[in-house]
Protein backbone atom coordinates (compact mmCIF):
# COMPACT_ATOMS: atom_id res chain seq x y z
CA MET A 1 97.29 131.89 49.85
CA ILE A 2 95.39 128.60 49.47
CA THR A 3 93.39 127.58 52.68
CA TYR A 4 92.10 124.39 51.59
CA LEU A 5 92.07 121.68 48.88
CA GLU A 6 89.09 119.70 48.08
CA GLY A 7 88.94 116.82 45.43
CA ILE A 8 89.92 113.45 44.43
CA LEU A 9 92.83 111.57 46.17
CA ARG A 10 95.05 110.53 43.32
CA GLU A 11 98.28 108.96 45.13
CA ILE A 12 98.94 108.26 48.36
CA LEU A 13 102.29 107.84 50.55
CA PRO A 14 103.14 108.34 53.91
CA THR A 15 104.64 111.80 53.66
CA GLN A 16 102.77 113.19 50.51
CA VAL A 17 99.61 112.52 48.35
CA VAL A 18 98.28 114.43 45.17
CA ILE A 19 94.86 115.54 45.01
CA GLU A 20 93.16 116.13 41.83
CA VAL A 21 90.91 119.35 41.94
CA HIS A 22 89.05 119.95 38.91
CA GLY A 23 91.50 118.25 36.35
CA VAL A 24 94.73 119.75 38.37
CA GLY A 25 96.81 117.40 40.40
CA TYR A 26 98.41 119.04 43.60
CA GLU A 27 101.38 117.77 45.27
CA VAL A 28 100.85 117.98 48.95
CA PHE A 29 103.39 117.10 51.63
CA ILE A 30 101.76 115.66 54.99
CA PRO A 31 102.62 114.74 58.49
CA LEU A 32 101.82 111.03 59.57
CA SER A 33 99.34 112.19 61.76
CA SER A 34 97.05 113.24 58.75
CA TYR A 35 98.06 109.80 56.71
CA ASP A 36 96.22 108.12 59.24
CA ARG A 37 92.63 109.94 58.46
CA LEU A 38 92.79 109.64 54.65
CA PRO A 39 90.38 107.79 52.70
CA PRO A 40 91.63 105.39 49.88
CA PRO A 41 92.69 106.53 46.88
CA GLY A 42 90.07 107.44 44.03
CA GLN A 43 87.81 109.05 47.03
CA SER A 44 86.85 112.68 47.69
CA VAL A 45 89.25 114.16 50.33
CA ARG A 46 89.41 117.71 52.02
CA LEU A 47 92.92 119.05 53.26
CA LEU A 48 93.79 122.47 55.31
CA THR A 49 96.81 123.76 53.64
CA HIS A 50 99.85 126.11 54.27
CA LEU A 51 101.69 127.54 50.96
CA GLN A 52 105.21 128.36 51.15
CA VAL A 53 106.61 130.17 48.59
CA ARG A 54 110.17 129.98 47.54
CA GLU A 55 112.83 131.10 45.20
CA ASP A 56 112.85 127.76 43.54
CA ALA A 57 109.16 126.23 44.34
CA HIS A 58 105.87 126.77 45.66
CA LEU A 59 105.27 123.96 48.30
CA LEU A 60 101.80 122.64 49.70
CA TYR A 61 101.28 121.53 53.07
CA GLY A 62 98.46 119.86 53.98
CA PHE A 63 96.39 118.88 57.42
CA ALA A 64 93.37 116.84 58.53
CA SER A 65 92.61 119.29 61.07
CA SER A 66 92.95 123.42 61.92
CA GLU A 67 94.90 122.17 65.20
CA GLU A 68 97.82 120.41 63.27
CA ARG A 69 97.92 123.30 60.69
CA ASP A 70 97.81 125.70 63.67
CA LEU A 71 100.70 123.90 65.01
CA PHE A 72 102.62 123.56 62.16
CA ARG A 73 102.54 127.83 61.30
CA LEU A 74 103.61 128.39 65.15
CA LEU A 75 106.48 126.00 64.71
CA VAL A 76 107.34 127.27 61.09
CA ASN A 77 107.09 131.06 62.16
CA ARG A 78 108.04 131.41 65.75
CA VAL A 79 110.65 128.84 66.56
CA SER A 80 114.12 129.77 64.96
CA GLY A 81 115.60 126.90 63.10
CA VAL A 82 112.47 125.34 62.66
CA GLY A 83 111.28 124.84 59.05
CA PRO A 84 108.57 123.02 57.34
CA LYS A 85 110.47 119.88 57.12
CA LEU A 86 110.86 119.91 61.10
CA ALA A 87 107.68 121.15 61.58
CA LEU A 88 106.17 117.92 59.73
CA ALA A 89 108.48 115.67 61.91
CA VAL A 90 107.00 117.12 65.26
CA LEU A 91 103.65 116.42 64.14
CA SER A 92 104.45 112.86 62.84
CA GLY A 93 106.08 111.85 65.85
CA MET A 94 103.67 113.42 68.49
CA ASP A 95 100.15 114.31 68.49
CA VAL A 96 98.95 117.81 69.26
CA VAL A 97 97.65 117.05 72.52
CA ARG A 98 100.58 115.70 73.74
CA PHE A 99 103.21 117.78 72.00
CA LYS A 100 101.11 120.85 73.85
CA ALA A 101 101.20 118.79 77.05
CA ALA A 102 105.05 118.15 76.90
CA VAL A 103 105.35 122.10 76.39
CA VAL A 104 103.67 123.28 79.10
CA GLU A 105 105.75 120.61 81.16
CA SER A 106 108.91 121.53 79.88
CA ASP A 107 109.01 118.03 78.87
CA ILE A 108 112.35 118.12 76.54
CA ALA A 109 113.04 114.84 76.87
CA SER A 110 109.94 113.62 75.32
CA ILE A 111 110.14 116.16 72.43
CA SER A 112 113.70 115.12 71.77
CA LYS A 113 112.59 111.71 70.93
CA ILE A 114 110.79 112.76 67.72
CA SER A 115 112.98 111.78 64.69
CA GLY A 116 114.74 114.36 63.37
CA LEU A 117 115.16 116.67 66.58
CA GLY A 118 117.62 116.61 68.99
CA LYS A 119 117.95 117.91 72.50
CA LYS A 120 119.11 121.46 71.49
CA THR A 121 115.96 121.87 69.07
CA ALA A 122 113.65 120.49 71.91
CA GLU A 123 115.06 122.68 74.03
CA ARG A 124 114.93 125.50 71.69
CA ILE A 125 111.28 124.95 70.99
CA VAL A 126 110.18 124.84 74.75
CA LEU A 127 111.90 128.20 75.11
CA GLU A 128 110.56 130.24 72.38
CA LEU A 129 106.80 128.78 72.69
CA LYS A 130 106.85 129.32 76.44
CA ASP A 131 108.79 132.51 76.93
CA LYS A 132 108.50 134.53 73.74
CA LEU A 133 104.87 134.00 73.53
CA GLY A 134 103.07 132.71 76.40
CA VAL A 135 101.66 130.03 74.36
CA ALA A 136 102.42 127.42 77.11
CA ALA A 137 99.96 129.48 79.31
CA ALA A 138 97.03 129.70 76.51
CA TRP A 139 97.64 125.85 76.58
CA GLU A 140 97.43 125.25 80.11
CA ALA A 141 94.46 127.18 80.48
CA ALA A 142 92.81 125.00 77.59
CA SER A 143 94.02 121.59 79.42
CA ALA A 144 91.21 119.31 81.16
CA SER A 145 92.88 119.38 84.13
CA LYS A 146 91.36 123.41 84.34
CA ALA A 147 87.91 122.50 83.21
CA PRO A 148 87.50 125.60 81.14
CA THR A 149 84.08 126.68 79.95
CA GLU A 150 83.44 125.86 76.13
CA GLU A 151 83.54 129.80 75.54
CA ALA A 152 87.33 129.77 77.14
CA ARG A 153 88.41 127.03 74.97
CA VAL A 154 87.04 128.39 71.83
CA SER A 155 88.55 131.76 72.58
CA ASN A 156 91.93 130.11 73.39
CA ASP A 157 91.99 128.30 70.13
CA ALA A 158 91.30 131.31 67.99
CA VAL A 159 94.23 133.26 70.12
CA LEU A 160 96.48 130.21 68.99
CA ALA A 161 95.35 130.74 65.40
CA LEU A 162 95.99 134.01 65.16
CA ILE A 163 99.40 133.61 66.55
CA ALA A 164 100.20 131.11 63.95
CA LEU A 165 99.25 133.36 61.56
CA GLY A 166 101.96 135.69 62.78
CA TYR A 167 99.78 138.25 64.99
CA LYS A 168 101.67 139.09 68.40
CA GLN A 169 99.55 137.57 71.32
CA VAL A 170 98.54 140.81 72.65
CA ASN A 171 97.06 141.97 69.70
CA ALA A 172 95.54 138.30 69.40
CA ALA A 173 93.84 138.13 72.97
CA LYS A 174 92.49 141.96 72.46
CA ALA A 175 90.97 141.14 69.15
CA VAL A 176 88.99 137.87 70.40
CA ARG A 177 88.02 139.00 73.35
CA GLU A 178 86.34 142.12 72.05
CA VAL A 179 84.56 140.08 69.49
CA ALA A 180 83.68 137.45 72.15
CA GLN A 181 82.15 140.25 74.17
CA ARG A 182 80.03 141.44 71.21
CA GLN A 183 78.77 138.00 69.77
CA THR A 184 78.50 135.36 71.92
CA SER A 185 78.38 131.63 70.93
CA LEU A 186 80.35 131.97 68.22
CA GLY A 187 82.65 128.53 67.07
CA THR A 188 86.98 129.11 66.60
CA GLU A 189 86.60 129.63 62.94
CA GLU A 190 83.90 132.27 63.05
CA LEU A 191 85.85 133.99 66.07
CA VAL A 192 89.15 134.30 64.21
CA ARG A 193 87.45 135.61 61.00
CA GLU A 194 85.68 138.27 63.24
CA ALA A 195 89.27 138.86 64.89
CA LEU A 196 90.94 139.35 61.62
CA LYS A 197 88.78 142.11 60.58
CA LEU A 198 89.85 143.83 63.42
CA LEU A 199 93.38 143.26 63.08
CA LEU A 200 93.82 144.06 59.47
């Protein structure tokens, strides 16, 4: 698995970039939300990545933040009928915070306005993310209106990251809770790393 690329930004388009890493140019597909944060060509850049292996190609998808990549993986791995192309469309059409709020509030009208998504796909996204995973409950708990502690926010983000990696919510939550009880003041990435040790 290629976790991230760090190198020189050689080519840039709204939907894809080419990053040169030690003389090798990697073509990476990106959402508009990441495009907006990229430096000009010729400068160094670091993108988090997700690798999709198909029979005819190995495709790299790049993201400016872990929140974007986690949501991309959640959509691709957990919502039937949503592939990488549609997941990128979601990230391009709505920022992560607004999308989470729309799922929590079952705002199908807002989600269905995203280019490439119809009402049926929007309904399926809301239904499968809310009912099958309980993701909406975690997002709701992490929303500003609930005023969670920093530790609670970090734990919620860690659980969502593990779910995006394919782990069941109950197992992810249990592992994160065990790690958080043993080691306080961990950041999200460290919490995920330690929880993975328990899950593997």
